[in-house]
Amino acid sequence: MTKYISLLRGINVGGHRKILMADLRALYEGLGLLNCTTYIQSGNAFFELKRKSDPTKLAAKIEKAIAEKYGFDVSVIVMTVETLEAAIAGNPYYKSDTEIERLILTFLKEEPTSEKLEKIKDFDHGDDKFEVAGKHVFIYLEGKYRDTKLSNKFFESKLKVAATTRNWKTVLKLSALAKTNNK
């Protein structure tokens, strides 16, 4: 069995694009995804498949099912648990003594082009730092996320790719749950 994590962008925010997690689990099960569990209301879901499958195709399948059931579009990013673990290990700002509330991880639906990456390289982002590696944007904040210029919207608009962002505490919790979820 291969374990996957899916991250939905922008659901259950301010009462808009509402999807109950029990309904999301049922939708996933209806798609043939196995052992579905969720974490918090923002659309973090775990599931398994007997055979390894292309995460991009899985995301498209979930997006289509959500659009058909709910009548609105939701960007979905799917990855294997190993991909999440590699992202955690690859964070250039994560050290044992790092204050994790300063760390953010933006997940990109696809790798941005080198031309788009070049355009954001010299963007004035204050004292905050970021590094793009593949489909991940690692962010180190000097202040609060609500005050940074390095928002999810910034990366989506500048890189022209769909994205969803999680704080580092959530990223670590997703990793821990993936490791212990042995249904």
Protein backbone atom coordinates (compact mmCIF):
# COMPACT_ATOMS: atom_id res chain seq x y z
CA MET A 1 0.00 0.00 0.00
CA THR A 2 1.18 3.50 -0.80
CA LYS A 3 0.23 6.35 1.55
CA TYR A 4 -0.71 9.76 0.19
CA ILE A 5 -1.50 13.15 1.63
CA SER A 6 -3.78 15.61 -0.12
CA LEU A 7 -3.94 19.30 0.69
CA LEU A 8 -6.96 21.32 -0.39
CA ARG A 9 -6.59 25.05 -0.94
CA GLY A 10 -9.01 27.56 0.50
CA ILE A 11 -11.84 25.47 1.89
CA ASN A 12 -13.79 26.28 5.06
CA VAL A 13 -12.35 29.80 5.26
CA GLY A 14 -14.78 32.41 6.51
CA GLY A 15 -17.76 30.14 5.84
CA HIS A 16 -16.98 29.90 2.13
CA ARG A 17 -16.39 26.77 0.06
CA LYS A 18 -17.50 24.64 2.95
CA ILE A 19 -16.71 20.94 2.94
CA LEU A 20 -17.24 18.87 6.06
CA MET A 21 -14.36 16.49 6.71
CA ALA A 22 -16.74 13.54 7.10
CA ASP A 23 -18.12 14.37 3.65
CA LEU A 24 -14.60 14.69 2.24
CA ARG A 25 -13.70 11.24 3.60
CA ALA A 26 -16.87 9.81 2.03
CA LEU A 27 -16.05 11.46 -1.30
CA TYR A 28 -12.54 10.01 -1.23
CA GLU A 29 -13.85 6.55 -0.39
CA GLY A 30 -16.31 6.89 -3.29
CA LEU A 31 -13.30 7.46 -5.54
CA GLY A 32 -11.76 4.19 -4.38
CA LEU A 33 -9.22 5.81 -2.06
CA LEU A 34 -8.63 3.62 1.00
CA ASN A 35 -8.33 4.28 4.75
CA CYS A 36 -9.20 7.96 4.44
CA THR A 37 -8.58 10.18 7.45
CA THR A 38 -8.46 13.95 7.82
CA TYR A 39 -6.67 16.43 10.02
CA ILE A 40 -8.33 19.72 11.00
CA GLN A 41 -10.94 21.48 8.86
CA SER A 42 -8.62 23.01 6.27
CA GLY A 43 -8.58 19.99 3.98
CA ASN A 44 -5.63 17.85 4.98
CA ALA A 45 -6.41 14.24 4.14
CA PHE A 46 -4.56 10.93 4.22
CA PHE A 47 -5.41 7.94 2.09
CA GLU A 48 -3.86 4.80 0.69
CA LEU A 49 -3.87 2.93 -2.58
CA LYS A 50 -2.89 -0.67 -3.23
CA ARG A 51 -0.77 0.42 -6.18
CA LYS A 52 1.38 3.48 -6.61
CA SER A 53 -0.37 6.15 -8.68
CA ASP A 54 0.58 9.50 -10.21
CA PRO A 55 -0.15 12.22 -7.61
CA THR A 56 -1.04 14.73 -10.35
CA LYS A 57 -3.70 12.40 -11.76
CA LEU A 58 -5.04 11.72 -8.26
CA ALA A 59 -5.30 15.46 -7.59
CA ALA A 60 -7.21 15.99 -10.86
CA LYS A 61 -9.59 13.15 -9.98
CA ILE A 62 -10.29 14.67 -6.54
CA GLU A 63 -10.71 18.18 -7.98
CA LYS A 64 -13.23 16.91 -10.53
CA ALA A 65 -15.23 15.04 -7.87
CA ILE A 66 -15.33 18.12 -5.61
CA ALA A 67 -16.45 20.36 -8.49
CA GLU A 68 -19.21 17.89 -9.41
CA LYS A 69 -20.43 17.47 -5.83
CA TYR A 70 -20.07 21.01 -4.49
CA GLY A 71 -20.21 23.20 -7.59
CA PHE A 72 -16.96 25.05 -6.94
CA ASP A 73 -13.34 24.55 -7.89
CA VAL A 74 -10.74 23.61 -5.29
CA SER A 75 -7.07 23.23 -6.03
CA VAL A 76 -5.77 19.92 -4.65
CA ILE A 77 -2.15 18.95 -4.18
CA VAL A 78 -1.38 15.26 -3.66
CA MET A 79 1.94 13.79 -2.58
CA THR A 80 3.28 10.60 -1.12
CA VAL A 81 4.30 10.53 2.52
CA GLU A 82 7.89 10.10 1.32
CA THR A 83 7.62 13.38 -0.61
CA LEU A 84 6.46 15.16 2.55
CA GLU A 85 9.32 13.63 4.54
CA ALA A 86 11.82 14.75 1.88
CA ALA A 87 10.41 18.30 2.06
CA ILE A 88 10.83 18.36 5.84
CA ALA A 89 14.40 17.08 5.56
CA GLY A 90 15.13 19.61 2.81
CA ASN A 91 13.99 22.74 4.65
CA PRO A 92 17.08 24.98 4.77
CA TYR A 93 15.67 26.95 7.73
CA TYR A 94 14.69 24.03 9.96
CA LYS A 95 17.23 23.30 12.65
CA SER A 96 16.72 21.70 16.04
CA ASP A 97 16.72 25.10 17.75
CA THR A 98 14.55 26.91 15.19
CA GLU A 99 11.40 28.55 16.49
CA ILE A 100 8.95 26.58 14.38
CA GLU A 101 6.34 29.35 14.46
CA ARG A 102 8.67 31.25 12.09
CA LEU A 103 8.55 28.48 9.45
CA ILE A 104 6.02 28.16 6.65
CA LEU A 105 5.85 25.68 3.78
CA THR A 106 4.05 26.54 0.58
CA PHE A 107 3.26 23.52 -1.57
CA LEU A 108 3.19 24.17 -5.31
CA LYS A 109 1.02 22.16 -7.67
CA GLU A 110 3.83 22.05 -10.21
CA GLU A 111 7.41 23.19 -10.47
CA PRO A 112 7.64 26.81 -11.59
CA THR A 113 9.63 27.74 -14.66
CA SER A 114 13.13 29.10 -14.24
CA GLU A 115 11.94 32.38 -15.80
CA LYS A 116 9.29 32.83 -13.10
CA LEU A 117 11.76 31.91 -10.37
CA GLU A 118 14.21 34.48 -11.70
CA LYS A 119 11.54 37.20 -11.49
CA ILE A 120 10.90 36.69 -7.77
CA LYS A 121 14.57 36.35 -6.85
CA ASP A 122 15.10 40.06 -6.28
CA PHE A 123 11.62 40.89 -4.97
CA ASP A 124 11.71 43.07 -1.83
CA HIS A 125 10.32 40.79 0.87
CA GLY A 126 11.65 42.68 3.87
CA ASP A 127 13.49 40.61 6.44
CA ASP A 128 11.63 37.40 5.61
CA LYS A 129 13.49 34.72 3.65
CA PHE A 130 12.40 32.08 1.18
CA GLU A 131 13.87 29.34 -0.93
CA VAL A 132 12.13 27.44 -3.70
CA ALA A 133 13.09 23.79 -4.17
CA GLY A 134 11.06 21.87 -6.71
CA LYS A 135 7.42 22.07 -5.68
CA HIS A 136 8.14 23.56 -2.25
CA VAL A 137 8.67 27.11 -1.04
CA PHE A 138 10.38 27.21 2.34
CA ILE A 139 9.72 30.45 4.19
CA TYR A 140 11.37 31.88 7.29
CA LEU A 141 9.46 34.77 8.86
CA GLU A 142 10.86 37.50 11.03
CA GLY A 143 7.33 38.50 12.03
CA LYS A 144 3.82 37.10 11.62
CA TYR A 145 2.55 35.35 8.49
CA ARG A 146 -0.32 37.82 8.19
CA ASP A 147 2.28 40.61 7.80
CA THR A 148 4.59 38.98 5.24
CA LYS A 149 4.73 39.80 1.56
CA LEU A 150 5.54 36.11 0.97
CA SER A 151 1.93 34.97 1.06
CA ASN A 152 0.31 32.09 -0.79
CA LYS A 153 -1.29 34.65 -3.13
CA PHE A 154 2.14 36.18 -3.89
CA PHE A 155 3.63 32.86 -4.98
CA GLU A 156 0.56 31.90 -7.01
CA SER A 157 0.48 35.22 -8.85
CA LYS A 158 4.23 35.50 -9.46
CA LEU A 159 4.99 31.84 -10.24
CA LYS A 160 1.69 31.21 -12.07
CA VAL A 161 1.08 27.92 -10.28
CA ALA A 162 -1.58 26.87 -7.79
CA ALA A 163 -0.33 26.62 -4.23
CA THR A 164 -1.44 25.99 -0.68
CA THR A 165 0.39 26.95 2.48
CA ARG A 166 0.75 25.29 5.88
CA ASN A 167 2.58 26.44 8.98
CA TRP A 168 5.46 24.25 10.14
CA LYS A 169 3.56 22.96 13.17
CA THR A 170 0.90 21.57 10.82
CA VAL A 171 3.55 20.13 8.47
CA LEU A 172 5.18 18.27 11.37
CA LYS A 173 1.78 17.07 12.61
CA LEU A 174 0.92 15.75 9.14
CA SER A 175 4.21 13.86 9.11
CA ALA A 176 3.58 12.40 12.56
CA LEU A 177 0.03 11.36 11.67
CA ALA A 178 1.21 9.77 8.42
CA LYS A 179 3.72 7.69 10.35
CA THR A 180 1.21 6.52 12.97
CA ASN A 181 -1.79 6.04 10.69
CA ASN A 182 -1.44 2.31 10.04
CA LYS A 183 -5.05 1.35 9.41
